[in-house]
C-alpha atoms as a PDB file:
ATOM      1  CA  UNK A   1      41.411  81.731-158.867  1.00  0.00           C
ATOM      2  CA  UNK A   2      38.471  81.045-156.565  1.00  0.00           C
ATOM      3  CA  UNK A   3      35.880  83.387-155.123  1.00  0.00           C
ATOM      4  CA  UNK A   4      34.000  82.411-151.960  1.00  0.00           C
ATOM      5  CA  UNK A   5      30.775  84.068-150.829  1.00  0.00           C
ATOM      6  CA  UNK A   6      29.668  83.110-147.318  1.00  0.00           C
ATOM      7  CA  UNK A   7      26.426  84.755-146.212  1.00  0.00           C
ATOM      8  CA  UNK A   8      25.727  84.829-142.449  1.00  0.00           C
ATOM      9  CA  UNK A   9      22.381  85.573-140.820  1.00  0.00           C
ATOM     10  CA  UNK A  10      23.278  87.112-137.471  1.00  0.00           C
ATOM     11  CA  UNK A  11      20.866  87.644-134.588  1.00  0.00           C
ATOM     12  CA  UNK A  12      20.461  91.394-134.203  1.00  0.00           C
ATOM     13  CA  UNK A  13      21.513  91.370-130.560  1.00  0.00           C
ATOM     14  CA  UNK A  14      24.725  89.534-131.541  1.00  0.00           C
ATOM     15  CA  UNK A  15      25.952  91.849-134.315  1.00  0.00           C
ATOM     16  CA  UNK A  16      28.688  93.485-132.263  1.00  0.00           C
ATOM     17  CA  UNK A  17      30.059  90.195-130.923  1.00  0.00           C
ATOM     18  CA  UNK A  18      29.938  88.601-134.387  1.00  0.00           C
ATOM     19  CA  UNK A  19      31.836  91.553-135.888  1.00  0.00           C
ATOM     20  CA  UNK A  20      34.516  91.346-133.197  1.00  0.00           C
ATOM     21  CA  UNK A  21      35.093  87.671-134.008  1.00  0.00           C
ATOM     22  CA  UNK A  22      34.930  88.388-137.749  1.00  0.00           C
ATOM     23  CA  UNK A  23      37.570  91.079-137.396  1.00  0.00           C
ATOM     24  CA  UNK A  24      39.943  88.582-135.753  1.00  0.00           C
ATOM     25  CA  UNK A  25      39.216  86.047-138.507  1.00  0.00           C
ATOM     26  CA  UNK A  26      39.855  88.599-141.255  1.00  0.00           C
ATOM     27  CA  UNK A  27      43.129  89.814-139.723  1.00  0.00           C
ATOM     28  CA  UNK A  28      44.489  86.273-139.367  1.00  0.00           C
ATOM     29  CA  UNK A  29      43.249  85.092-142.751  1.00  0.00           C
ATOM     30  CA  UNK A  30      44.845  87.977-144.642  1.00  0.00           C
ATOM     31  CA  UNK A  31      48.220  86.636-143.418  1.00  0.00           C
ATOM     32  CA  UNK A  32      47.611  83.246-145.040  1.00  0.00           C
ATOM     33  CA  UNK A  33      49.454  82.074-148.122  1.00  0.00           C
ATOM     34  CA  UNK A  34      47.125  82.229-151.122  1.00  0.00           C
ATOM     35  CA  UNK A  35      44.656  84.723-149.635  1.00  0.00           C
ATOM     36  CA  UNK A  36      44.118  87.423-152.256  1.00  0.00           C
ATOM     37  CA  UNK A  37      41.176  89.195-150.638  1.00  0.00           C
ATOM     38  CA  UNK A  38      39.109  88.510-147.494  1.00  0.00           C
ATOM     39  CA  UNK A  39      36.498  91.032-146.337  1.00  0.00           C
ATOM     40  CA  UNK A  40      33.132  91.270-144.594  1.00  0.00           C
ATOM     41  CA  UNK A  41      30.201  93.207-146.067  1.00  0.00           C
ATOM     42  CA  UNK A  42      26.877  94.212-144.536  1.00  0.00           C
ATOM     43  CA  UNK A  43      23.665  94.085-146.548  1.00  0.00           C
ATOM     44  CA  UNK A  44      22.230  97.550-147.204  1.00  0.00           C
ATOM     45  CA  UNK A  45      18.610  96.582-146.529  1.00  0.00           C
ATOM     46  CA  UNK A  46      19.102  94.002-143.762  1.00  0.00           C
ATOM     47  CA  UNK A  47      21.904  94.847-141.325  1.00  0.00           C
ATOM     48  CA  UNK A  48      21.827  91.335-139.853  1.00  0.00           C
ATOM     49  CA  UNK A  49      23.143  89.793-143.078  1.00  0.00           C
ATOM     50  CA  UNK A  50      26.935  89.841-143.028  1.00  0.00           C
ATOM     51  CA  UNK A  51      28.781  88.303-145.949  1.00  0.00           C
ATOM     52  CA  UNK A  52      32.383  87.224-146.293  1.00  0.00           C
ATOM     53  CA  UNK A  53      33.643  87.727-149.837  1.00  0.00           C
ATOM     54  CA  UNK A  54      36.968  86.020-150.394  1.00  0.00           C
ATOM     55  CA  UNK A  55      39.444  85.402-153.189  1.00  0.00           C
ATOM     56  CA  UNK A  56      41.932  82.526-153.101  1.00  0.00           C
ATOM     57  CA  UNK A  57      44.763  81.612-155.454  1.00  0.00           C
ATOM     58  CA  UNK A  58      43.937  77.881-155.430  1.00  0.00           C
ATOM     59  CA  UNK A  59      41.543  75.326-153.973  1.00  0.00           C
ATOM     60  CA  UNK A  60      44.460  73.982-151.899  1.00  0.00           C
ATOM     61  CA  UNK A  61      44.949  77.408-150.289  1.00  0.00           C
ATOM     62  CA  UNK A  62      41.242  77.578-149.477  1.00  0.00           C
ATOM     63  CA  UNK A  63      41.313  74.081-147.977  1.00  0.00           C
ATOM     64  CA  UNK A  64      44.262  75.026-145.754  1.00  0.00           C
ATOM     65  CA  UNK A  65      42.272  78.056-144.590  1.00  0.00           C
ATOM     66  CA  UNK A  66      39.227  75.922-143.783  1.00  0.00           C
ATOM     67  CA  UNK A  67      41.364  73.745-141.509  1.00  0.00           C
ATOM     68  CA  UNK A  68      43.454  76.569-140.006  1.00  0.00           C
ATOM     69  CA  UNK A  69      43.595  77.074-136.241  1.00  0.00           C
ATOM     70  CA  UNK A  70      41.873  80.472-136.323  1.00  0.00           C
ATOM     71  CA  UNK A  71      39.100  79.298-138.674  1.00  0.00           C
ATOM     72  CA  UNK A  72      38.283  76.154-136.683  1.00  0.00           C
ATOM     73  CA  UNK A  73      38.302  78.194-133.450  1.00  0.00           C
ATOM     74  CA  UNK A  74      36.269  81.212-134.573  1.00  0.00           C
ATOM     75  CA  UNK A  75      33.657  79.798-136.947  1.00  0.00           C
ATOM     76  CA  UNK A  76      31.896  77.644-134.315  1.00  0.00           C
ATOM     77  CA  UNK A  77      31.722  80.692-132.010  1.00  0.00           C
ATOM     78  CA  UNK A  78      30.329  82.853-134.807  1.00  0.00           C
ATOM     79  CA  UNK A  79      27.802  80.200-135.853  1.00  0.00           C
ATOM     80  CA  UNK A  80      26.234  80.281-132.389  1.00  0.00           C
ATOM     81  CA  UNK A  81      25.415  83.956-132.945  1.00  0.00           C
ATOM     82  CA  UNK A  82      23.386  83.298-136.092  1.00  0.00           C
ATOM     83  CA  UNK A  83      19.767  82.401-136.754  1.00  0.00           C
ATOM     84  CA  UNK A  84      20.684  79.656-139.230  1.00  0.00           C
ATOM     85  CA  UNK A  85      23.630  78.032-140.955  1.00  0.00           C
ATOM     86  CA  UNK A  86      25.631  80.219-143.312  1.00  0.00           C
ATOM     87  CA  UNK A  87      25.170  79.921-147.074  1.00  0.00           C
ATOM     88  CA  UNK A  88      28.547  79.319-148.694  1.00  0.00           C
ATOM     89  CA  UNK A  89      29.251  79.189-152.421  1.00  0.00           C
ATOM     90  CA  UNK A  90      32.597  78.636-154.104  1.00  0.00           C
ATOM     91  CA  UNK A  91      33.051  80.013-157.596  1.00  0.00           C
ATOM     92  CA  UNK A  92      35.746  79.279-160.184  1.00  0.00           C
ATOM     93  CA  UNK A  93      36.755  82.216-162.359  1.00  0.00           C
ATOM     94  CA  UNK A  94      35.897  81.564-165.996  1.00  0.00           C
ATOM     95  CA  UNK A  95      36.506  84.851-167.778  1.00  0.00           C
END
């Protein structure tokens, strides 16, 4: 199992638009084979930090997601609403 944490730094004036796009991404991704969990969280102290926390059955499932039609369409649009590139880490479950 893999866990992905993708932290986004959204411009304050773009929060609503980013969340609308994120909602579409979440709804489509949850339909994907191998998607265990896919949600967006907002930092408690900085509302402009929105983080995707995801769980995938396998690396292959994650790779299919990263090349999916909805991902390749929405991520470039969402990136334009941010102050900098997202931080993304992929973790393998050990215990």
